[in-house]
Structures are given as C-alpha cells and as structure tokens.
Amino acid sequence: MALRLCLDRIAPPRKDATLVFDLPTMTTARDAVTAAGAVLGVVAVGELTPTEGAHIMALIETYRRTLETTELEARVAALEGGGDGP
C-alpha cells in the first residue's frame, strides 16, 4: 500500500482535461478541412496548446477516414445495384 502511494505521487495517473470549443459538424469527408481549420484557429490564438490541437486533429482524421469509407461503400453499393438492370 505504501509503495502504491509513493508511485502515485511520483507518476500520477494521467487525467486529460476536457476541452470545449466550437467545431463545425462533419457529415462528409470534405468537412474535415473546415474542422481542421477551426482547430488550427484555436491553436493559433492560444485557446488550445499545439499538443491538444494535434490530438484533436488525429480524432478529426480518424473520423474523416470513417466518413470517407462510408461514402465509398455507398458508391460501390449504388454501382453494384445499378448494374443489375434489364
């Protein structure tokens, strides 16, 4: 127990802070450009640190890839469905 107390003081568990700022809604992969610009803007004025901005940009990129994959799947499904004509 004493060792755990010492370790918690030397290397406390990481606790991320909650960040609140306006981020445009992303409904398509193209919207990631606007979202990235918003993050860069708040980093530029000092509302977020560059490290916080980088973490948020990574989340935006992951979400962009998810949106892009969804859009591609819809296109492929439309092409496959359209090829079964008379």
N, C-alpha and C. Protein backbone atom coordinates (compact mmCIF):
# COMPACT_ATOMS: atom_id res chain seq x y z
N MET A 1 0.83 -1.18 0.00
CA MET A 1 0.00 0.00 0.00
C MET A 1 0.88 1.26 0.00
N ALA A 2 1.92 1.24 0.80
CA ALA A 2 2.82 2.39 0.87
C ALA A 2 3.53 2.61 -0.47
N LEU A 3 3.90 1.52 -1.11
CA LEU A 3 4.56 1.61 -2.41
C LEU A 3 3.62 2.23 -3.44
N ARG A 4 2.38 1.83 -3.42
CA ARG A 4 1.39 2.39 -4.36
C ARG A 4 1.24 3.90 -4.13
N LEU A 5 1.20 4.32 -2.88
CA LEU A 5 1.10 5.74 -2.55
C LEU A 5 2.30 6.51 -3.10
N CYS A 6 3.48 5.94 -2.94
CA CYS A 6 4.69 6.59 -3.45
C CYS A 6 4.67 6.68 -4.97
N LEU A 7 4.28 5.61 -5.63
CA LEU A 7 4.24 5.61 -7.09
C LEU A 7 3.20 6.59 -7.63
N ASP A 8 2.07 6.69 -6.94
CA ASP A 8 1.05 7.65 -7.37
C ASP A 8 1.54 9.09 -7.26
N ARG A 9 2.41 9.35 -6.32
CA ARG A 9 2.97 10.70 -6.18
C ARG A 9 4.07 10.96 -7.20
N ILE A 10 4.87 9.95 -7.49
CA ILE A 10 5.96 10.10 -8.45
C ILE A 10 5.43 10.17 -9.87
N ALA A 11 4.53 9.28 -10.21
CA ALA A 11 3.96 9.22 -11.56
C ALA A 11 2.44 9.10 -11.44
N PRO A 12 1.77 10.22 -11.20
CA PRO A 12 0.32 10.14 -11.02
C PRO A 12 -0.38 9.69 -12.30
N PRO A 13 -1.54 9.05 -12.13
CA PRO A 13 -2.29 8.62 -13.31
C PRO A 13 -2.66 9.85 -14.16
N ARG A 14 -2.57 9.69 -15.46
CA ARG A 14 -2.84 10.80 -16.36
C ARG A 14 -4.34 11.08 -16.39
N LYS A 15 -4.67 12.35 -16.30
CA LYS A 15 -6.06 12.78 -16.38
C LYS A 15 -6.13 13.87 -17.44
N ASP A 16 -6.80 13.56 -18.54
CA ASP A 16 -6.94 14.54 -19.59
C ASP A 16 -7.98 15.58 -19.20
N ALA A 17 -7.71 16.78 -19.61
CA ALA A 17 -8.65 17.86 -19.35
C ALA A 17 -9.71 17.88 -20.44
N THR A 18 -10.89 18.30 -20.07
CA THR A 18 -11.96 18.45 -21.04
C THR A 18 -11.75 19.75 -21.79
N LEU A 19 -11.84 19.68 -23.11
CA LEU A 19 -11.66 20.86 -23.94
C LEU A 19 -13.00 21.25 -24.55
N VAL A 20 -13.31 22.53 -24.50
CA VAL A 20 -14.56 22.99 -25.07
C VAL A 20 -14.25 24.10 -26.06
N PHE A 21 -14.65 23.88 -27.31
CA PHE A 21 -14.52 24.90 -28.35
C PHE A 21 -15.45 24.52 -29.49
N ASP A 22 -15.75 25.49 -30.34
CA ASP A 22 -16.66 25.23 -31.46
C ASP A 22 -15.94 24.46 -32.54
N LEU A 23 -16.58 23.39 -33.00
CA LEU A 23 -16.05 22.58 -34.09
C LEU A 23 -17.19 22.35 -35.07
N PRO A 24 -16.96 22.69 -36.33
CA PRO A 24 -18.04 22.50 -37.31
C PRO A 24 -18.47 21.04 -37.40
N THR A 25 -19.73 20.84 -37.73
CA THR A 25 -20.25 19.48 -37.90
C THR A 25 -19.60 18.85 -39.12
N MET A 26 -19.22 17.59 -38.98
CA MET A 26 -18.62 16.87 -40.10
C MET A 26 -19.60 15.80 -40.55
N THR A 27 -20.18 15.99 -41.74
CA THR A 27 -21.09 14.99 -42.28
C THR A 27 -20.52 14.34 -43.53
N THR A 28 -19.49 14.95 -44.11
CA THR A 28 -18.80 14.37 -45.26
C THR A 28 -17.30 14.48 -45.01
N ALA A 29 -16.52 13.72 -45.77
CA ALA A 29 -15.07 13.76 -45.62
C ALA A 29 -14.53 15.16 -45.93
N ARG A 30 -15.18 15.88 -46.83
CA ARG A 30 -14.73 17.25 -47.16
C ARG A 30 -14.85 18.20 -45.98
N ASP A 31 -15.79 17.94 -45.08
CA ASP A 31 -15.99 18.81 -43.92
C ASP A 31 -14.78 18.80 -42.98
N ALA A 32 -13.92 17.81 -43.12
CA ALA A 32 -12.73 17.73 -42.26
C ALA A 32 -11.81 18.92 -42.49
N VAL A 33 -11.83 19.48 -43.70
CA VAL A 33 -10.99 20.66 -43.99
C VAL A 33 -11.42 21.82 -43.10
N THR A 34 -12.72 22.05 -43.01
CA THR A 34 -13.25 23.14 -42.19
C THR A 34 -12.95 22.88 -40.71
N ALA A 35 -13.14 21.64 -40.29
CA ALA A 35 -12.87 21.28 -38.90
C ALA A 35 -11.40 21.48 -38.56
N ALA A 36 -10.51 21.05 -39.46
CA ALA A 36 -9.07 21.22 -39.23
C ALA A 36 -8.72 22.70 -39.15
N GLY A 37 -9.34 23.51 -40.00
CA GLY A 37 -9.11 24.95 -39.95
C GLY A 37 -9.54 25.55 -38.63
N ALA A 38 -10.66 25.06 -38.09
CA ALA A 38 -11.14 25.55 -36.80
C ALA A 38 -10.15 25.21 -35.69
N VAL A 39 -9.61 23.99 -35.74
CA VAL A 39 -8.63 23.59 -34.72
C VAL A 39 -7.37 24.45 -34.83
N LEU A 40 -6.89 24.64 -36.04
CA LEU A 40 -5.70 25.48 -36.21
C LEU A 40 -5.95 26.90 -35.72
N GLY A 41 -7.17 27.38 -35.94
CA GLY A 41 -7.51 28.73 -35.47
C GLY A 41 -7.44 28.87 -33.96
N VAL A 42 -7.99 27.89 -33.23
CA VAL A 42 -7.96 27.99 -31.77
C VAL A 42 -6.56 27.74 -31.21
N VAL A 43 -5.76 26.96 -31.92
CA VAL A 43 -4.36 26.80 -31.51
C VAL A 43 -3.61 28.11 -31.75
N ALA A 44 -3.89 28.75 -32.87
CA ALA A 44 -3.19 29.99 -33.22
C ALA A 44 -3.46 31.11 -32.22
N VAL A 45 -4.67 31.16 -31.67
CA VAL A 45 -4.98 32.22 -30.70
C VAL A 45 -4.69 31.80 -29.26
N GLY A 46 -4.19 30.58 -29.07
CA GLY A 46 -3.76 30.14 -27.75
C GLY A 46 -4.84 29.53 -26.89
N GLU A 47 -6.00 29.22 -27.46
CA GLU A 47 -7.05 28.58 -26.67
C GLU A 47 -6.76 27.09 -26.45
N LEU A 48 -5.99 26.50 -27.34
CA LEU A 48 -5.52 25.12 -27.20
C LEU A 48 -4.01 25.11 -27.37
N THR A 49 -3.36 24.18 -26.70
CA THR A 49 -1.92 24.02 -26.91
C THR A 49 -1.71 23.26 -28.22
N PRO A 50 -0.53 23.37 -28.81
CA PRO A 50 -0.27 22.59 -30.03
C PRO A 50 -0.46 21.08 -29.82
N THR A 51 -0.11 20.59 -28.64
CA THR A 51 -0.29 19.16 -28.36
C THR A 51 -1.77 18.80 -28.32
N GLU A 52 -2.57 19.63 -27.67
CA GLU A 52 -4.02 19.38 -27.64
C GLU A 52 -4.59 19.44 -29.05
N GLY A 53 -4.12 20.42 -29.84
CA GLY A 53 -4.57 20.53 -31.22
C GLY A 53 -4.21 19.30 -32.03
N ALA A 54 -3.03 18.77 -31.82
CA ALA A 54 -2.60 17.57 -32.55
C ALA A 54 -3.47 16.37 -32.19
N HIS A 55 -3.84 16.26 -30.93
CA HIS A 55 -4.70 15.15 -30.51
C HIS A 55 -6.08 15.27 -31.16
N ILE A 56 -6.60 16.48 -31.21
CA ILE A 56 -7.91 16.69 -31.82
C ILE A 56 -7.83 16.47 -33.32
N MET A 57 -6.74 16.90 -33.94
CA MET A 57 -6.56 16.66 -35.38
C MET A 57 -6.53 15.16 -35.68
N ALA A 58 -5.93 14.38 -34.81
CA ALA A 58 -5.90 12.93 -35.00
C ALA A 58 -7.32 12.36 -34.94
N LEU A 59 -8.14 12.88 -34.03
CA LEU A 59 -9.53 12.44 -33.96
C LEU A 59 -10.29 12.83 -35.22
N ILE A 60 -10.05 14.04 -35.70
CA ILE A 60 -10.70 14.50 -36.93
C ILE A 60 -10.29 13.61 -38.10
N GLU A 61 -9.02 13.28 -38.19
CA GLU A 61 -8.54 12.44 -39.29
C GLU A 61 -9.16 11.05 -39.23
N THR A 62 -9.27 10.49 -38.05
CA THR A 62 -9.90 9.18 -37.91
C THR A 62 -11.36 9.24 -38.32
N TYR A 63 -12.05 10.28 -37.91
CA TYR A 63 -13.46 10.44 -38.28
C TYR A 63 -13.60 10.68 -39.78
N ARG A 64 -12.68 11.44 -40.36
CA ARG A 64 -12.69 11.69 -41.81
C ARG A 64 -12.56 10.38 -42.58
N ARG A 65 -11.64 9.55 -42.15
CA ARG A 65 -11.46 8.25 -42.82
C ARG A 65 -12.71 7.40 -42.71
N THR A 66 -13.37 7.46 -41.55
CA THR A 66 -14.62 6.71 -41.37
C THR A 66 -15.69 7.23 -42.32
N LEU A 67 -15.82 8.55 -42.42
CA LEU A 67 -16.79 9.14 -43.34
C LEU A 67 -16.46 8.78 -44.78
N GLU A 68 -15.19 8.85 -45.13
CA GLU A 68 -14.76 8.53 -46.49
C GLU A 68 -15.08 7.07 -46.84
N THR A 69 -14.82 6.18 -45.91
CA THR A 69 -15.12 4.77 -46.14
C THR A 69 -16.62 4.56 -46.32
N THR A 70 -17.41 5.23 -45.51
CA THR A 70 -18.86 5.12 -45.63
C THR A 70 -19.34 5.63 -46.98
N GLU A 71 -18.77 6.77 -47.41
CA GLU A 71 -19.14 7.33 -48.72
C GLU A 71 -18.76 6.38 -49.85
N LEU A 72 -17.58 5.78 -49.77
CA LEU A 72 -17.14 4.84 -50.80
C LEU A 72 -18.01 3.59 -50.83
N GLU A 73 -18.37 3.10 -49.66
CA GLU A 73 -19.25 1.93 -49.59
C GLU A 73 -20.60 2.23 -50.25
N ALA A 74 -21.13 3.42 -50.03
CA ALA A 74 -22.40 3.80 -50.64
C ALA A 74 -22.27 3.88 -52.16
N ARG A 75 -21.15 4.42 -52.62
CA ARG A 75 -20.94 4.49 -54.08
C ARG A 75 -20.83 3.11 -54.71
N VAL A 76 -20.09 2.22 -54.07
CA VAL A 76 -19.92 0.86 -54.59
C VAL A 76 -21.28 0.15 -54.60
N ALA A 77 -22.04 0.31 -53.53
CA ALA A 77 -23.36 -0.33 -53.46
C ALA A 77 -24.26 0.20 -54.56
N ALA A 78 -24.19 1.51 -54.84
CA ALA A 78 -25.01 2.09 -55.90
C ALA A 78 -24.59 1.56 -57.27
N LEU A 79 -23.28 1.43 -57.48
CA LEU A 79 -22.80 0.89 -58.75
C LEU A 79 -23.20 -0.58 -58.94
N GLU A 80 -23.06 -1.35 -57.89
CA GLU A 80 -23.41 -2.76 -57.96
C GLU A 80 -24.92 -2.94 -58.15
N GLY A 81 -25.68 -2.11 -57.49
CA GLY A 81 -27.14 -2.18 -57.62
C GLY A 81 -27.60 -1.70 -58.97
N GLY A 82 -26.89 -0.73 -59.55
CA GLY A 82 -27.25 -0.17 -60.85
C GLY A 82 -26.88 -1.07 -62.01
N GLY A 83 -25.98 -2.03 -61.78
CA GLY A 83 -25.53 -2.90 -62.86
C GLY A 83 -26.43 -4.10 -63.11
N ASP A 84 -27.48 -4.25 -62.29
CA ASP A 84 -28.38 -5.41 -62.43
C ASP A 84 -29.62 -5.08 -63.25
N GLY A 85 -29.49 -4.14 -64.17
CA GLY A 85 -30.64 -3.71 -64.98
C GLY A 85 -31.13 -4.77 -65.94
N PRO A 86 -32.15 -4.43 -66.77
CA PRO A 86 -32.77 -5.40 -67.67
C PRO A 86 -31.87 -5.98 -68.69
